[in-house]
Amino acid sequence: MSFLDKAKDFADKHDEQIDQGLEKAGDQVDQRTGNKYSAQVDRGVDEAQKRTGAGDTQQQ
């Protein structure tokens, strides 16, 4: 099993935790930029969450 296959398998098994981590990272970016790019950060987080595991588990 290649590294990429292992990473995909991990993401599938831990989708909720990955989505939470992405949310926290987005919150940190918002905090450090004074929410100047909040819409773009939120869009980026949403797209990243869609591409991990079974999909976006965070409902806003």
C-alpha atoms as a PDB file:
ATOM      1  CA  MET A   1       0.000   0.000   0.000  1.00  0.00           C
ATOM      2  CA  SER A   2       1.472   3.347  -1.052  1.00  0.00           C
ATOM      3  CA  PHE A   3       1.694   6.401   1.172  1.00  0.00           C
ATOM      4  CA  LEU A   4      -1.137   8.073  -0.766  1.00  0.00           C
ATOM      5  CA  ASP A   5      -3.385   5.038  -0.304  1.00  0.00           C
ATOM      6  CA  LYS A   6      -2.636   5.048   3.418  1.00  0.00           C
ATOM      7  CA  ALA A   7      -3.432   8.763   3.637  1.00  0.00           C
ATOM      8  CA  LYS A   8      -6.759   8.282   1.829  1.00  0.00           C
ATOM      9  CA  ASP A   9      -7.638   5.362   4.105  1.00  0.00           C
ATOM     10  CA  PHE A  10      -6.795   7.453   7.180  1.00  0.00           C
ATOM     11  CA  ALA A  11      -8.937  10.341   5.899  1.00  0.00           C
ATOM     12  CA  ASP A  12     -11.870   7.989   5.317  1.00  0.00           C
ATOM     13  CA  LYS A  13     -11.646   6.588   8.830  1.00  0.00           C
ATOM     14  CA  HIS A  14     -11.162   9.952  10.580  1.00  0.00           C
ATOM     15  CA  ASP A  15     -13.288  12.326   8.509  1.00  0.00           C
ATOM     16  CA  GLU A  16     -14.910  14.083  11.449  1.00  0.00           C
ATOM     17  CA  GLN A  17     -11.593  14.839  13.166  1.00  0.00           C
ATOM     18  CA  ILE A  18     -10.054  16.097   9.926  1.00  0.00           C
ATOM     19  CA  ASP A  19     -13.036  18.370   9.301  1.00  0.00           C
ATOM     20  CA  GLN A  20     -12.746  19.758  12.833  1.00  0.00           C
ATOM     21  CA  GLY A  21      -9.044  20.409  12.292  1.00  0.00           C
ATOM     22  CA  LEU A  22      -9.771  22.244   9.057  1.00  0.00           C
ATOM     23  CA  GLU A  23     -12.354  24.388  10.874  1.00  0.00           C
ATOM     24  CA  LYS A  24      -9.828  25.278  13.575  1.00  0.00           C
ATOM     25  CA  ALA A  25      -7.207  26.134  10.968  1.00  0.00           C
ATOM     26  CA  GLY A  26      -9.708  28.379   9.176  1.00  0.00           C
ATOM     27  CA  ASP A  27     -10.579  30.066  12.456  1.00  0.00           C
ATOM     28  CA  GLN A  28      -6.892  30.754  13.105  1.00  0.00           C
ATOM     29  CA  VAL A  29      -6.475  32.314   9.656  1.00  0.00           C
ATOM     30  CA  ASP A  30      -9.543  34.481  10.269  1.00  0.00           C
ATOM     31  CA  GLN A  31      -8.198  35.557  13.650  1.00  0.00           C
ATOM     32  CA  ARG A  32      -4.745  36.412  12.302  1.00  0.00           C
ATOM     33  CA  THR A  33      -6.129  38.372   9.341  1.00  0.00           C
ATOM     34  CA  GLY A  34      -8.829  40.154  11.334  1.00  0.00           C
ATOM     35  CA  ASN A  35     -11.535  38.332   9.337  1.00  0.00           C
ATOM     36  CA  LYS A  36     -10.433  40.292   6.264  1.00  0.00           C
ATOM     37  CA  TYR A  37     -10.638  37.165   4.074  1.00  0.00           C
ATOM     38  CA  SER A  38     -13.313  35.306   6.001  1.00  0.00           C
ATOM     39  CA  ALA A  39     -15.491  34.481   2.983  1.00  0.00           C
ATOM     40  CA  GLN A  40     -12.544  33.091   1.035  1.00  0.00           C
ATOM     41  CA  VAL A  41     -11.266  31.125   4.038  1.00  0.00           C
ATOM     42  CA  ASP A  42     -14.708  29.635   4.662  1.00  0.00           C
ATOM     43  CA  ARG A  43     -15.021  28.635   1.012  1.00  0.00           C
ATOM     44  CA  GLY A  44     -11.565  27.030   1.118  1.00  0.00           C
ATOM     45  CA  VAL A  45     -12.352  25.115   4.311  1.00  0.00           C
ATOM     46  CA  ASP A  46     -15.638  23.875   2.838  1.00  0.00           C
ATOM     47  CA  GLU A  47     -13.925  22.672  -0.336  1.00  0.00           C
ATOM     48  CA  ALA A  48     -11.170  20.947   1.642  1.00  0.00           C
ATOM     49  CA  GLN A  49     -13.755  19.219   3.830  1.00  0.00           C
ATOM     50  CA  LYS A  50     -15.585  17.925   0.763  1.00  0.00           C
ATOM     51  CA  ARG A  51     -12.386  16.271  -0.428  1.00  0.00           C
ATOM     52  CA  THR A  52     -11.553  14.437   2.797  1.00  0.00           C
ATOM     53  CA  GLY A  53     -13.087  11.188   3.904  1.00  0.00           C
ATOM     54  CA  ALA A  54     -16.749  10.705   3.188  1.00  0.00           C
ATOM     55  CA  GLY A  55     -17.367  14.430   2.805  1.00  0.00           C
ATOM     56  CA  ASP A  56     -18.195  17.462   4.850  1.00  0.00           C
ATOM     57  CA  THR A  57     -19.477  16.392   8.269  1.00  0.00           C
ATOM     58  CA  GLN A  58     -19.658  19.896   9.703  1.00  0.00           C
ATOM     59  CA  GLN A  59     -23.041  21.566   9.265  1.00  0.00           C
ATOM     60  CA  GLN A  60     -23.059  25.332   9.636  1.00  0.00           C
END
